[in-house]
Every structure is written in C-alpha cells, then in structure tokens.
Amino acid sequence: MKILDKAISSIAPRWGMKRAEARLKLRQLEIMASSGYGRHGASKTKRSTLGWFLGHGRDPDHDITDNLEILRTRSRDLFMGGGLATGSIRTVKSNVIGPGLRLNSQIDSEYLKMTAEEARRWERQAEREFSLWAETTDCDASKHCDFYGLQRLAFHSFLLDGDVFALLLRKNRNEQPYNLRIRLLAGDRVCDPPYGYRQGKDIRGGVEIDDMGAAVAYWICQAHPYTTSTNPKVLRKSREWVRYPAYGQRTGQLNVLHLMDPERIDQRRGVPFLAPVIEDLKQLDRYTEAELMAAVVGGLLTVFITQQAPGEPPFGDEPIYDDSHAIELGHGTVISLSQGEKPEIVDPKRPNAAFDSFVTSMCRQIGSALGIPYEVLVKHFTSSYSASRGALLEAWKFFKTWRAWFEGSFCRPIYETWLDEAVATGRLYAPGFFDDPMVRKAYCSAIWRGPSPGQLNPVQEVTAAKIRVEEGFSTRTIEAAELTGTDWERNHHQRVAEEQARRDGKLIPSQ
C-alpha cells in the first residue's frame, strides 16, 4: 500500500488530478488490462479476492511432506476421539476391504493355449496353494495377522496416516513351504535420516529418488523415532536408520510396497484421508461437545426454595452456610435458602432446536469433500427408495475406485511375488513363466472379490440382474460377485451337490 500511495502521489500532479481521482483512474486501467482468469479466479482487484493472500506456489515436498507429521497426528487424534471421523474411516474400510479381498485366479488360457478345463484346473490349484500361505499368520513377518488381516490393517493405516509401507521379506519357517513374509511399517518409521547418512542423496520424507523422480530406496528408522520405551536397545534403534533398496540389485524384484495415492506430480509421501476436512471435523466435535454439556447442565438444573420465616426448612436439603459444603447441581435437587434470599433461575434453552439441521448440513459438506454421500456416511436412509439407491450407487463408485487401487498397489504385487516362489519351488507347474514376461502376465492374471454393495430391495434388484443375464448385458459370474460377493462357479458346483443330495434323500423326485 505504501508503494501504491507513493505512485499515486507522483502521478496525480502530472495527470492534473486529485489523489482520489488518480487512484480511481489506476483501478480502472488495471481492470481494463485484466483478461481471462485475471478477471475471475486470479483477479487482484475484486473485493471477493482482495484478502486472499497465498504467495507463490510451492513444490509437493514443501506443501505436503513438510506438513505430514502434524496432519498425521491430527488425523489420528480425530479418529481416536470417535464421531464422524471414526465413522467415515470405518465406513470406507468395511466397504472397500470388508473381511478381506479373496483371490480368484483368471489366467489367460487363450494365450497359454490351454483348454477351459485345463485352465480351471490350474486356477483351482493356484487358489489352494495361495490359501495355504494366505490363511495363516505365517505370511505376516510378525505372525499377528493372516493375509486378509494384513489387508485391513494396511488399508486402515493408509487412510489414517496417508501412506503405509510393506517390506517383502524372505524367512524360512519349517511348518510353511513358502518363505515370503510381509512386514508392514507405519509411515512414521520412514523419515529423514541425519545429514551424516545422506552423502549428497536426494532424500525427503525418508524417500530417496533418482534423477527421473523414481524411488530407489527408503530410509527406515530401526524403531519408532518417538518411542517411549525405556529399553536401551530400543532407544538406540530409534536413532539408527537403514537404507532399504526399492528393488533387489540382483533379481530386480520389488522389495518395498509404498501404498500412497498421489494428488500431485513428484509427490513423495501420501496425505491422510481426513486431511481436507480436519478443521471442519474438529470444529464440529467442539460444537457437539458444547451442546452436549449445555444439555446435561440444563437437565441437572437445581430448584431453590425461598423461606418465608426463620426456622427449619419445610422440605429439601439443609441450608448451606459454611465453606465446607458445596452446592452441586443434581437430578431433581431441592436447596433451601435463608429468609430474604431469592435465586435467579437460568434457562439454558437446551437442547438447541437448530442443532440437528446444522450438524446435518455440516455432515453433507464433509461427506462431499470425502466422496461419501451423506446417507452412507451417517448410515441414515430416510428418503425414497430411488434417492437411497442413488446414494448407494454414488458411494460404490467411490468404493470400487479405492478397491481397484488397493488391488493394484497391495494384493496384485504380493500375489505375483508369491507366484514367483510357487513356480520356482515347483509347487505350481507353469511352463515359460520365467522366460517370457507375457507368459508370466498370463499366469498372474486374477481378480479379487470383496464385499458386495447389498440390496435395498432384493426382489427388484435380483429380478434386474436376471434380466441383464438373459439379455446378454451381463454374466452370472459378474452378477454373483455384485449381488452376494461370491463366485458363481463355486455356487454352481455347490448347488449341483445339494440338488443331488436332495434327490438321494427323496426330498425331490428323481428325473
């Protein structure tokens, strides 16, 4: 403003104008010179944008990586405090992952020149072998979870912290024929080492990249950098870093999975799911707590009775005269007062009549920012069938997008690494698997089944699915997965066995 005032003071005499006239003239010239976005979102003259001070745009490391620690801490605090933050993360996790995404091998039999029966036999054997590894805690390096538990934990940590890391390790266990072990790491463990470790490397947020921006290594703290342990060994590890290569030097195989959904080019670390609405969620929590406390205090309001004459109180508690007692609010408490004393009753006017409509409006805005329709976010379906179904369809576009991302980022690379070991050890026969990348891709092809959307009106939706199959718009396999989350072929074989058992038991006539 001082520079502008000096300019006006210099220009006004030369233009033969007063200062106010010169200021208006300059503003008109600036408006005339504006064009395109300069007249709208990039305007520097409109009243609506004059107070919007942003400075210059910064790189992702400055905008995201440098702020990640506080974003992660606030995200965890909101989740642990319950309420909408907890519900939103659990809603996404239960619909995207549910009890876990299950393998359904779908090899490219045409490219592999296999008959349909040969292909299905190989797929069933691969699924059996995979379940031998996946359905035990041996797949977890820490032996806490099976593969499906690891899925839930990894996705939950990704939503809460913004990213999560998985190390693909090899560890022999006598009772398990497969040596592949998954070690999940919280995002806190991957962080910048002291400068003595760096030696000119491009490291930020614990991620070391090359000249093309590709991650070549991750710097992992040996223990949580903010551990509260008093064990000297743990404390020493919390000050030690290990450089973990992203790929094996000899084999080129993947060593580290970094589960992150980038929102900007050249981004190294992820952003917590709740980051865009952290401020809104915190303010809503404060407002809810304040309203709840006001309602509780209003419900505990004590009635005071004024005495008309000295003496014993006609009813109620003993009068309070000394400092050894305190008058406390309680349920239906009656307090007697001395003659001449008259209390002033406070009406808190709670509960607030506008509370529900305001919270509903805020939930709609938060749900929109997170990508979850309000009805699904708060599990409240009070509109018509069409409106409720529309909300579910919109929600499932969001859930399916996240599921496809998680399949490609976590399930598929782990399955492919496991399949490498299964073929290399001879437990699965796959000719040409290591000779031709197209052959390997054909054997690795698979889909992952998860929880289905469910039905608001099962009769209508099953009827619609039947029509789609009959008209050729869909298949029984797709509809079985969409409606019930099951495999149609397995359902078919089970039904054949059941119908045969019913005929053998003479429950239905033989044909």
Protein backbone atom coordinates (compact mmCIF):
# COMPACT_ATOMS: atom_id res chain seq x y z
CA MET A 1 0.00 0.00 0.00
CA LYS A 2 2.87 2.42 0.73
CA ILE A 3 4.31 1.83 -2.75
CA LEU A 4 0.88 2.45 -4.30
CA ASP A 5 0.44 5.67 -2.30
CA LYS A 6 3.83 6.93 -3.49
CA ALA A 7 2.92 6.11 -7.08
CA ILE A 8 -0.39 7.98 -6.77
CA SER A 9 1.35 10.98 -5.18
CA SER A 10 3.74 11.09 -8.14
CA ILE A 11 1.14 10.53 -10.87
CA ALA A 12 -1.71 12.76 -9.62
CA PRO A 13 0.02 16.12 -10.28
CA ARG A 14 1.13 15.07 -13.75
CA TRP A 15 -2.40 13.97 -14.62
CA GLY A 16 -3.83 17.13 -13.12
CA MET A 17 -5.98 15.09 -10.75
CA LYS A 18 -6.60 14.77 -7.08
CA ARG A 19 -5.29 11.67 -5.27
CA ALA A 20 -8.74 10.05 -5.10
CA GLU A 21 -9.29 10.62 -8.83
CA ALA A 22 -5.84 9.22 -9.67
CA ARG A 23 -6.50 6.13 -7.51
CA LEU A 24 -9.83 5.51 -9.31
CA LYS A 25 -8.16 6.00 -12.70
CA LEU A 26 -5.43 3.45 -11.87
CA ARG A 27 -8.04 0.94 -10.75
CA GLN A 28 -9.97 1.41 -14.00
CA LEU A 29 -6.81 0.89 -16.04
CA GLU A 30 -5.98 -2.29 -14.08
CA ILE A 31 -9.47 -3.68 -14.64
CA MET A 32 -9.26 -2.90 -18.39
CA ALA A 33 -5.89 -4.68 -18.59
CA SER A 34 -7.25 -7.80 -16.88
CA SER A 35 -8.31 -10.70 -19.11
CA GLY A 36 -9.09 -14.40 -18.86
CA TYR A 37 -8.67 -15.75 -15.33
CA GLY A 38 -7.29 -12.34 -14.36
CA ARG A 39 -10.88 -11.13 -14.32
CA HIS A 40 -12.12 -14.09 -12.28
CA GLY A 41 -10.26 -16.56 -10.04
CA ALA A 42 -6.88 -14.83 -10.49
CA SER A 43 -8.24 -11.30 -10.07
CA LYS A 44 -6.30 -8.96 -7.80
CA THR A 45 -8.90 -6.20 -7.90
CA LYS A 46 -12.22 -7.82 -6.96
CA ARG A 47 -13.34 -7.27 -3.41
CA SER A 48 -14.03 -11.00 -3.01
CA THR A 49 -10.34 -11.85 -3.66
CA LEU A 50 -8.50 -8.88 -2.17
CA GLY A 51 -8.00 -10.61 1.20
CA TRP A 52 -6.89 -13.90 -0.32
CA PHE A 53 -3.12 -13.93 0.27
CA LEU A 54 -1.38 -17.11 -0.90
CA GLY A 55 2.07 -16.16 -2.09
CA HIS A 56 3.83 -18.29 -4.69
CA GLY A 57 3.03 -21.95 -5.32
CA ARG A 58 5.46 -24.38 -3.67
CA ASP A 59 6.58 -27.88 -4.59
CA PRO A 60 4.89 -31.01 -3.15
CA ASP A 61 7.71 -31.59 -0.67
CA HIS A 62 7.04 -28.19 0.91
CA ASP A 63 3.24 -28.33 0.74
CA ILE A 64 2.80 -31.99 1.72
CA THR A 65 5.91 -33.71 3.09
CA ASP A 66 6.86 -30.88 5.45
CA ASN A 67 3.32 -30.79 6.89
CA LEU A 68 2.76 -34.53 7.02
CA GLU A 69 3.68 -35.08 10.66
CA ILE A 70 1.09 -32.66 12.02
CA LEU A 71 -1.56 -33.84 9.54
CA ARG A 72 -0.95 -37.43 10.59
CA THR A 73 -1.09 -36.59 14.31
CA ARG A 74 -4.35 -34.65 13.97
CA SER A 75 -5.90 -37.36 11.81
CA ARG A 76 -5.15 -39.99 14.47
CA ASP A 77 -6.50 -37.76 17.23
CA LEU A 78 -9.78 -37.22 15.38
CA PHE A 79 -10.14 -40.96 14.80
CA MET A 80 -9.45 -41.84 18.43
CA GLY A 81 -11.97 -39.21 19.56
CA GLY A 82 -14.83 -41.01 17.84
CA GLY A 83 -17.64 -39.30 15.99
CA LEU A 84 -17.76 -38.60 12.27
CA ALA A 85 -14.01 -39.08 11.70
CA THR A 86 -14.09 -42.60 13.14
CA GLY A 87 -17.26 -43.46 11.27
CA SER A 88 -16.00 -42.23 7.90
CA ILE A 89 -12.77 -44.27 8.03
CA ARG A 90 -14.56 -47.40 9.22
CA THR A 91 -17.24 -46.99 6.55
CA VAL A 92 -14.65 -46.81 3.78
CA LYS A 93 -12.65 -49.73 5.17
CA SER A 94 -15.67 -52.01 5.68
CA ASN A 95 -16.94 -51.42 2.14
CA VAL A 96 -13.63 -51.45 0.27
CA ILE A 97 -11.93 -54.31 2.13
CA GLY A 98 -14.53 -55.86 4.45
CA PRO A 99 -13.29 -59.23 5.70
CA GLY A 100 -10.60 -59.19 3.01
CA LEU A 101 -10.28 -59.39 -0.77
CA ARG A 102 -10.19 -63.02 -1.94
CA LEU A 103 -8.16 -64.36 -4.85
CA ASN A 104 -9.98 -65.57 -7.96
CA SER A 105 -7.37 -66.74 -10.46
CA GLN A 106 -8.32 -65.89 -14.06
CA ILE A 107 -5.39 -66.93 -16.27
CA ASP A 108 -5.28 -66.06 -19.96
CA SER A 109 -5.93 -69.58 -21.24
CA GLU A 110 -6.12 -68.45 -24.88
CA TYR A 111 -2.57 -67.07 -24.86
CA LEU A 112 -1.31 -70.06 -22.89
CA LYS A 113 -3.02 -72.44 -25.36
CA MET A 114 -4.88 -74.28 -22.60
CA THR A 115 -8.36 -75.74 -22.76
CA ALA A 116 -11.03 -74.31 -20.47
CA GLU A 117 -10.85 -77.42 -18.28
CA GLU A 118 -7.05 -77.30 -18.06
CA ALA A 119 -7.16 -73.61 -17.20
CA ARG A 120 -9.76 -74.09 -14.49
CA ARG A 121 -7.79 -76.99 -13.01
CA TRP A 122 -4.64 -74.81 -12.84
CA GLU A 123 -6.61 -71.90 -11.32
CA ARG A 124 -8.12 -74.08 -8.60
CA GLN A 125 -4.69 -75.47 -7.72
CA ALA A 126 -3.20 -71.95 -7.57
CA GLU A 127 -6.02 -70.83 -5.25
CA ARG A 128 -5.44 -73.83 -2.97
CA GLU A 129 -1.73 -73.15 -2.78
CA PHE A 130 -2.29 -69.45 -2.13
CA SER A 131 -4.75 -70.20 0.69
CA LEU A 132 -2.09 -72.43 2.26
CA TRP A 133 0.06 -69.33 2.63
CA ALA A 134 -2.57 -66.59 2.99
CA GLU A 135 -4.88 -68.15 5.57
CA THR A 136 -2.22 -68.49 8.26
CA THR A 137 -0.27 -65.92 10.23
CA ASP A 138 2.93 -67.28 8.66
CA CYS A 139 2.51 -64.76 5.85
CA ASP A 140 2.99 -61.95 8.39
CA ALA A 141 6.59 -61.38 9.48
CA SER A 142 5.33 -60.53 12.98
CA LYS A 143 2.85 -63.50 12.95
CA HIS A 144 -0.07 -61.31 14.06
CA CYS A 145 -2.38 -61.42 11.04
CA ASP A 146 -3.22 -63.61 8.09
CA PHE A 147 -3.16 -62.05 4.61
CA TYR A 148 -6.70 -60.73 4.93
CA GLY A 149 -5.94 -59.15 8.30
CA LEU A 150 -2.87 -57.53 6.72
CA GLN A 151 -5.13 -56.07 4.04
CA ARG A 152 -7.42 -54.48 6.62
CA LEU A 153 -4.51 -53.16 8.69
CA ALA A 154 -2.66 -51.77 5.67
CA PHE A 155 -5.73 -50.00 4.27
CA HIS A 156 -6.70 -48.63 7.68
CA SER A 157 -3.18 -47.25 8.21
CA PHE A 158 -3.20 -45.77 4.72
CA LEU A 159 -6.46 -43.90 5.40
CA LEU A 160 -5.33 -42.71 8.81
CA ASP A 161 -1.70 -41.78 8.06
CA GLY A 162 -1.73 -41.04 4.33
CA ASP A 163 0.59 -43.88 3.36
CA VAL A 164 1.94 -47.20 4.61
CA PHE A 165 4.91 -49.38 3.65
CA ALA A 166 5.17 -53.15 3.24
CA LEU A 167 8.51 -54.97 3.09
CA LEU A 168 8.61 -58.20 1.07
CA LEU A 169 10.94 -60.39 3.12
CA ARG A 170 12.15 -63.99 2.96
CA LYS A 171 12.15 -66.01 6.14
CA ASN A 172 12.15 -69.79 6.46
CA ARG A 173 9.62 -71.42 8.79
CA ASN A 174 9.66 -75.19 8.93
CA GLU A 175 5.88 -75.59 9.05
CA GLN A 176 5.33 -73.37 5.98
CA PRO A 177 6.50 -74.32 2.44
CA TYR A 178 6.60 -70.65 1.38
CA ASN A 179 9.22 -68.20 2.64
CA LEU A 180 7.54 -64.92 1.60
CA ARG A 181 6.76 -62.70 4.61
CA ILE A 182 5.03 -59.31 4.69
CA ARG A 183 6.26 -56.70 7.15
CA LEU A 184 4.01 -53.66 7.47
CA LEU A 185 5.67 -50.39 8.51
CA ALA A 186 3.90 -47.29 9.80
CA GLY A 187 4.62 -44.10 7.90
CA ASP A 188 6.44 -42.64 10.96
CA ARG A 189 9.26 -45.18 10.55
CA VAL A 190 10.17 -43.93 7.07
CA CYS A 191 11.64 -40.49 7.71
CA ASP A 192 14.63 -38.31 7.01
CA PRO A 193 17.91 -39.61 8.50
CA PRO A 194 20.50 -37.22 9.99
CA TYR A 195 22.68 -35.40 7.48
CA GLY A 196 25.56 -37.79 8.07
CA TYR A 197 23.62 -40.54 6.28
CA ARG A 198 22.80 -38.52 3.17
CA GLN A 199 26.10 -38.01 1.33
CA GLY A 200 24.55 -35.98 -1.49
CA LYS A 201 21.49 -38.21 -1.97
CA ASP A 202 18.11 -36.67 -2.81
CA ILE A 203 16.14 -37.69 0.30
CA ARG A 204 12.94 -36.09 1.54
CA GLY A 205 10.41 -37.67 3.86
CA GLY A 206 12.62 -40.76 4.02
CA VAL A 207 12.22 -41.41 0.28
CA GLU A 208 15.33 -41.34 -1.90
CA ILE A 209 14.72 -40.65 -5.59
CA ASP A 210 16.83 -40.66 -8.74
CA ASP A 211 17.13 -38.01 -11.46
CA MET A 212 13.85 -39.15 -13.04
CA GLY A 213 11.93 -38.90 -9.75
CA ALA A 214 11.64 -42.67 -9.25
CA ALA A 215 12.03 -44.02 -5.71
CA VAL A 216 15.25 -46.01 -5.45
CA ALA A 217 15.42 -46.53 -1.67
CA TYR A 218 13.59 -45.89 1.58
CA TRP A 219 15.27 -44.77 4.81
CA ILE A 220 13.75 -46.73 7.68
CA CYS A 221 14.28 -45.92 11.34
CA GLN A 222 15.06 -49.13 13.23
CA ALA A 223 12.42 -48.25 15.88
CA HIS A 224 9.71 -45.64 16.15
CA PRO A 225 11.54 -42.28 16.22
CA TYR A 226 9.32 -41.06 19.09
CA THR A 227 9.31 -44.25 21.13
CA THR A 228 8.59 -44.01 24.85
CA SER A 229 10.37 -47.25 25.63
CA THR A 230 12.99 -47.22 28.39
CA ASN A 231 14.77 -50.22 26.90
CA PRO A 232 18.30 -49.07 25.93
CA LYS A 233 18.29 -51.32 22.85
CA VAL A 234 15.05 -49.80 21.56
CA LEU A 235 16.23 -46.27 22.31
CA ARG A 236 19.44 -46.91 20.38
CA LYS A 237 17.48 -48.24 17.40
CA SER A 238 15.26 -45.16 17.39
CA ARG A 239 18.38 -43.19 16.41
CA GLU A 240 19.56 -45.58 13.68
CA TRP A 241 18.45 -45.64 10.03
CA VAL A 242 18.77 -48.34 7.39
CA ARG A 243 18.72 -47.70 3.65
CA TYR A 244 16.33 -50.23 2.13
CA PRO A 245 16.53 -50.51 -1.70
CA ALA A 246 13.20 -50.37 -3.53
CA TYR A 247 14.29 -53.25 -5.82
CA GLY A 248 16.70 -56.14 -5.43
CA GLN A 249 20.07 -55.47 -7.03
CA ARG A 250 20.49 -58.98 -8.49
CA THR A 251 16.90 -60.02 -9.20
CA GLY A 252 15.25 -56.66 -9.81
CA GLN A 253 12.28 -57.88 -7.77
CA LEU A 254 10.21 -55.47 -5.72
CA ASN A 255 11.43 -55.13 -2.12
CA VAL A 256 9.10 -52.40 -0.79
CA LEU A 257 5.46 -51.57 -1.44
CA HIS A 258 4.60 -47.91 -0.83
CA LEU A 259 0.82 -47.56 -0.57
CA MET A 260 0.15 -43.95 -1.50
CA ASP A 261 -2.46 -42.21 -3.63
CA PRO A 262 -0.64 -39.18 -5.11
CA GLU A 263 -2.56 -35.98 -5.70
CA ARG A 264 0.33 -34.01 -7.24
CA ILE A 265 3.17 -34.72 -9.66
CA ASP A 266 6.52 -35.54 -7.99
CA GLN A 267 4.80 -36.22 -4.66
CA ARG A 268 6.82 -38.48 -2.34
CA ARG A 269 4.51 -39.04 0.63
CA GLY A 270 0.76 -39.50 0.96
CA VAL A 271 -1.88 -37.30 2.55
CA PRO A 272 -4.24 -38.64 5.27
CA PHE A 273 -7.79 -39.32 4.08
CA LEU A 274 -9.20 -36.80 6.57
CA ALA A 275 -6.74 -34.00 5.69
CA PRO A 276 -9.18 -31.86 3.62
CA VAL A 277 -11.75 -31.80 6.44
CA ILE A 278 -9.58 -31.80 9.58
CA GLU A 279 -10.60 -28.27 10.54
CA ASP A 280 -14.30 -28.91 9.88
CA LEU A 281 -14.27 -32.15 11.89
CA LYS A 282 -12.50 -30.54 14.85
CA GLN A 283 -14.89 -27.58 14.94
CA LEU A 284 -17.88 -29.92 14.66
CA ASP A 285 -16.53 -32.00 17.55
CA ARG A 286 -16.17 -28.88 19.70
CA TYR A 287 -19.67 -27.71 18.83
CA THR A 288 -21.17 -31.13 19.59
CA GLU A 289 -19.37 -31.35 22.94
CA ALA A 290 -20.51 -27.85 23.88
CA GLU A 291 -24.14 -28.62 23.03
CA LEU A 292 -23.99 -31.91 24.89
CA MET A 293 -22.56 -30.28 28.02
CA ALA A 294 -25.15 -27.49 27.84
CA ALA A 295 -27.94 -30.07 27.59
CA VAL A 296 -26.53 -32.01 30.57
CA VAL A 297 -26.25 -28.87 32.71
CA GLY A 298 -29.78 -27.88 31.71
CA GLY A 299 -31.06 -31.30 32.73
CA LEU A 300 -29.36 -31.03 36.13
CA LEU A 301 -30.73 -27.54 36.99
CA THR A 302 -31.47 -27.38 40.75
CA VAL A 303 -34.64 -25.81 42.20
CA PHE A 304 -34.07 -23.28 45.03
CA ILE A 305 -36.86 -22.59 47.59
CA THR A 306 -37.03 -19.25 49.46
CA GLN A 307 -38.12 -19.49 53.17
CA GLN A 308 -40.91 -17.17 54.37
CA ALA A 309 -39.86 -17.24 58.04
CA PRO A 310 -36.81 -18.28 60.08
CA GLY A 311 -36.70 -21.84 61.29
CA GLU A 312 -36.27 -25.30 59.94
CA PRO A 313 -36.75 -25.65 56.21
CA PRO A 314 -40.12 -27.19 55.39
CA PHE A 315 -38.54 -29.60 52.93
CA GLY A 316 -35.39 -30.06 50.94
CA ASP A 317 -31.78 -30.25 51.99
CA GLU A 318 -30.09 -28.42 54.88
CA PRO A 319 -29.21 -24.76 54.18
CA ILE A 320 -25.63 -24.25 53.23
CA TYR A 321 -23.79 -21.57 55.22
CA ASP A 322 -20.14 -22.61 55.53
CA ASP A 323 -17.37 -23.27 53.06
CA SER A 324 -17.12 -26.97 53.98
CA HIS A 325 -20.11 -27.74 51.77
CA ALA A 326 -20.70 -27.01 48.10
CA ILE A 327 -23.96 -26.65 46.28
CA GLU A 328 -23.87 -29.05 43.35
CA LEU A 329 -26.32 -29.46 40.53
CA GLY A 330 -28.12 -32.79 40.54
CA HIS A 331 -31.17 -34.67 39.33
CA GLY A 332 -34.19 -33.02 40.99
CA THR A 333 -32.12 -31.48 43.82
CA VAL A 334 -34.04 -29.06 46.09
CA ILE A 335 -32.00 -26.49 48.08
CA SER A 336 -33.48 -24.35 50.89
CA LEU A 337 -32.30 -20.75 51.30
CA SER A 338 -32.41 -18.24 54.16
CA GLN A 339 -35.17 -15.71 54.51
CA GLY A 340 -34.92 -12.85 52.06
CA GLU A 341 -32.71 -14.73 49.60
CA LYS A 342 -34.13 -15.19 46.15
CA PRO A 343 -32.31 -17.15 43.42
CA GLU A 344 -32.39 -16.25 39.76
CA ILE A 345 -33.30 -19.30 37.67
CA VAL A 346 -31.26 -19.66 34.47
CA ASP A 347 -32.97 -21.22 31.48
CA PRO A 348 -30.28 -22.73 29.18
CA LYS A 349 -32.83 -23.39 26.40
CA ARG A 350 -31.34 -26.76 25.58
CA PRO A 351 -31.43 -28.87 23.52
CA ASN A 352 -30.89 -26.37 20.73
CA ALA A 353 -33.65 -26.68 18.14
CA ALA A 354 -31.25 -25.79 15.30
CA PHE A 355 -28.62 -28.35 16.33
CA ASP A 356 -29.79 -31.23 14.12
CA SER A 357 -30.22 -29.17 10.94
CA PHE A 358 -26.81 -27.52 11.37
CA VAL A 359 -24.98 -30.81 12.02
CA THR A 360 -26.77 -32.41 9.06
CA SER A 361 -25.62 -29.58 6.80
CA MET A 362 -22.02 -29.93 8.03
CA CYS A 363 -22.12 -33.71 7.52
CA ARG A 364 -23.26 -33.20 3.93
CA GLN A 365 -20.32 -30.86 3.26
CA ILE A 366 -17.83 -33.21 4.91
CA GLY A 367 -19.25 -36.21 3.06
CA SER A 368 -18.97 -34.34 -0.24
CA ALA A 369 -15.32 -33.48 0.44
CA LEU A 370 -14.52 -37.10 1.34
CA GLY A 371 -16.50 -38.55 -1.60
CA ILE A 372 -19.10 -40.32 0.56
CA PRO A 373 -22.81 -39.44 0.23
CA TYR A 374 -24.37 -38.14 3.44
CA GLU A 375 -26.79 -41.07 3.76
CA VAL A 376 -23.95 -43.61 3.59
CA LEU A 377 -21.65 -41.56 5.82
CA VAL A 378 -24.12 -41.43 8.73
CA LYS A 379 -25.95 -44.72 7.90
CA HIS A 380 -29.27 -42.86 7.73
CA PHE A 381 -31.63 -43.73 4.86
CA THR A 382 -34.88 -41.82 5.27
CA SER A 383 -35.51 -40.68 1.69
CA SER A 384 -37.29 -42.57 -1.05
CA TYR A 385 -36.02 -45.86 -2.47
CA SER A 386 -34.72 -44.08 -5.59
CA ALA A 387 -32.83 -41.45 -3.58
CA SER A 388 -31.35 -44.05 -1.22
CA ARG A 389 -30.30 -46.28 -4.10
CA GLY A 390 -28.79 -43.28 -5.88
CA ALA A 391 -26.70 -42.54 -2.78
CA LEU A 392 -25.53 -46.16 -2.63
CA LEU A 393 -24.60 -46.18 -6.31
CA GLU A 394 -22.57 -43.00 -5.91
CA ALA A 395 -20.87 -44.42 -2.83
CA TRP A 396 -19.98 -47.63 -4.63
CA LYS A 397 -18.37 -45.75 -7.50
CA PHE A 398 -16.08 -44.34 -4.81
CA PHE A 399 -15.55 -47.69 -3.03
CA LYS A 400 -14.83 -49.58 -6.28
CA THR A 401 -12.25 -46.98 -7.27
CA TRP A 402 -10.43 -47.45 -3.97
CA ARG A 403 -10.72 -51.24 -4.24
CA ALA A 404 -9.17 -51.24 -7.72
CA TRP A 405 -6.36 -49.04 -6.40
CA PHE A 406 -5.74 -51.34 -3.42
CA GLU A 407 -5.75 -54.45 -5.62
CA GLY A 408 -3.09 -52.93 -7.86
CA SER A 409 -1.00 -51.47 -5.05
CA PHE A 410 -1.09 -54.30 -2.50
CA CYS A 411 -2.84 -57.55 -3.48
CA ARG A 412 -1.54 -57.97 -7.01
CA PRO A 413 2.20 -57.33 -6.41
CA ILE A 414 2.17 -59.59 -3.36
CA TYR A 415 0.35 -62.35 -5.29
CA GLU A 416 2.81 -62.06 -8.18
CA THR A 417 5.78 -62.26 -5.78
CA TRP A 418 4.21 -65.30 -4.10
CA LEU A 419 3.56 -66.91 -7.51
CA ASP A 420 7.22 -66.46 -8.44
CA GLU A 421 8.14 -68.57 -5.41
CA ALA A 422 5.41 -71.14 -6.04
CA VAL A 423 6.63 -71.74 -9.61
CA ALA A 424 10.33 -71.58 -8.69
CA THR A 425 9.89 -74.25 -5.98
CA GLY A 426 7.85 -76.50 -8.28
CA ARG A 427 4.62 -76.38 -6.29
CA LEU A 428 2.91 -74.94 -9.37
CA TYR A 429 3.78 -76.00 -12.93
CA ALA A 430 3.87 -73.03 -15.32
CA PRO A 431 5.99 -73.61 -18.46
CA GLY A 432 7.72 -70.49 -19.75
CA PHE A 433 6.87 -68.48 -16.63
CA PHE A 434 10.39 -67.05 -16.18
CA ASP A 435 11.26 -67.00 -19.89
CA ASP A 436 8.63 -64.65 -21.32
CA PRO A 437 7.06 -61.70 -19.48
CA MET A 438 3.83 -62.18 -21.46
CA VAL A 439 3.58 -65.78 -20.25
CA ARG A 440 4.19 -64.64 -16.68
CA LYS A 441 1.48 -61.98 -17.03
CA ALA A 442 -0.95 -64.57 -18.41
CA TYR A 443 -0.42 -66.80 -15.38
CA CYS A 444 -0.62 -63.90 -12.92
CA SER A 445 -3.97 -62.63 -14.16
CA ALA A 446 -6.54 -62.63 -11.35
CA ILE A 447 -9.44 -60.72 -9.87
CA TRP A 448 -10.08 -60.06 -6.19
CA ARG A 449 -13.55 -60.49 -4.71
CA GLY A 450 -14.67 -58.25 -1.88
CA PRO A 451 -17.90 -57.31 -0.09
CA SER A 452 -20.89 -56.59 -2.32
CA PRO A 453 -22.99 -53.40 -2.21
CA GLY A 454 -26.00 -55.26 -0.80
CA GLN A 455 -29.61 -54.59 -1.79
CA LEU A 456 -32.20 -52.14 -0.62
CA ASN A 457 -34.96 -54.07 -2.42
CA PRO A 458 -33.66 -57.62 -3.06
CA VAL A 459 -36.62 -58.70 -5.20
CA GLN A 460 -36.29 -55.82 -7.65
CA GLU A 461 -32.52 -55.99 -7.84
CA VAL A 462 -32.34 -59.78 -8.28
CA THR A 463 -35.01 -59.54 -10.98
CA ALA A 464 -32.99 -56.83 -12.75
CA ALA A 465 -29.84 -58.99 -12.52
CA LYS A 466 -31.74 -61.94 -14.03
CA ILE A 467 -32.91 -59.79 -16.96
CA ARG A 468 -29.37 -58.48 -17.56
CA VAL A 469 -28.05 -62.04 -17.77
CA GLU A 470 -30.87 -63.23 -20.05
CA GLU A 471 -30.44 -60.26 -22.39
CA GLY A 472 -26.67 -60.70 -22.52
CA PHE A 473 -25.86 -57.41 -20.79
CA SER A 474 -24.01 -59.22 -18.01
CA THR A 475 -22.90 -62.68 -16.87
CA ARG A 476 -23.74 -64.91 -13.95
CA THR A 477 -20.19 -64.53 -12.69
CA ILE A 478 -20.45 -60.73 -12.62
CA GLU A 479 -23.92 -60.72 -11.05
CA ALA A 480 -22.94 -63.24 -8.35
CA ALA A 481 -19.99 -61.04 -7.41
CA GLU A 482 -22.10 -57.85 -7.46
CA LEU A 483 -25.10 -59.19 -5.53
CA THR A 484 -23.53 -61.50 -2.97
CA GLY A 485 -19.75 -61.18 -3.40
CA THR A 486 -19.43 -64.88 -4.25
CA ASP A 487 -18.02 -66.95 -7.14
CA TRP A 488 -20.75 -68.22 -9.49
CA GLU A 489 -18.78 -71.33 -10.48
CA ARG A 490 -18.35 -72.36 -6.86
CA ASN A 491 -22.03 -71.65 -6.26
CA HIS A 492 -22.90 -73.81 -9.28
CA HIS A 493 -20.86 -76.81 -8.12
CA GLN A 494 -22.28 -76.49 -4.62
CA ARG A 495 -25.84 -76.33 -5.96
CA VAL A 496 -25.25 -79.44 -8.08
CA ALA A 497 -24.07 -81.31 -4.98
CA GLU A 498 -27.01 -80.06 -2.92
CA GLU A 499 -29.63 -80.95 -5.54
CA GLN A 500 -28.12 -84.41 -5.90
CA ALA A 501 -28.21 -84.88 -2.12
CA ARG A 502 -31.88 -83.84 -2.09
CA ARG A 503 -32.70 -86.37 -4.81
CA ASP A 504 -30.78 -89.09 -2.99
CA GLY A 505 -32.74 -88.27 0.16
CA LYS A 506 -36.00 -88.45 -1.81
CA LEU A 507 -36.81 -84.84 -0.91
CA ILE A 508 -37.42 -84.13 -4.58
CA PRO A 509 -38.41 -86.62 -7.30
CA SER A 510 -35.65 -88.06 -9.47
CA GLN A 511 -35.70 -87.01 -13.12
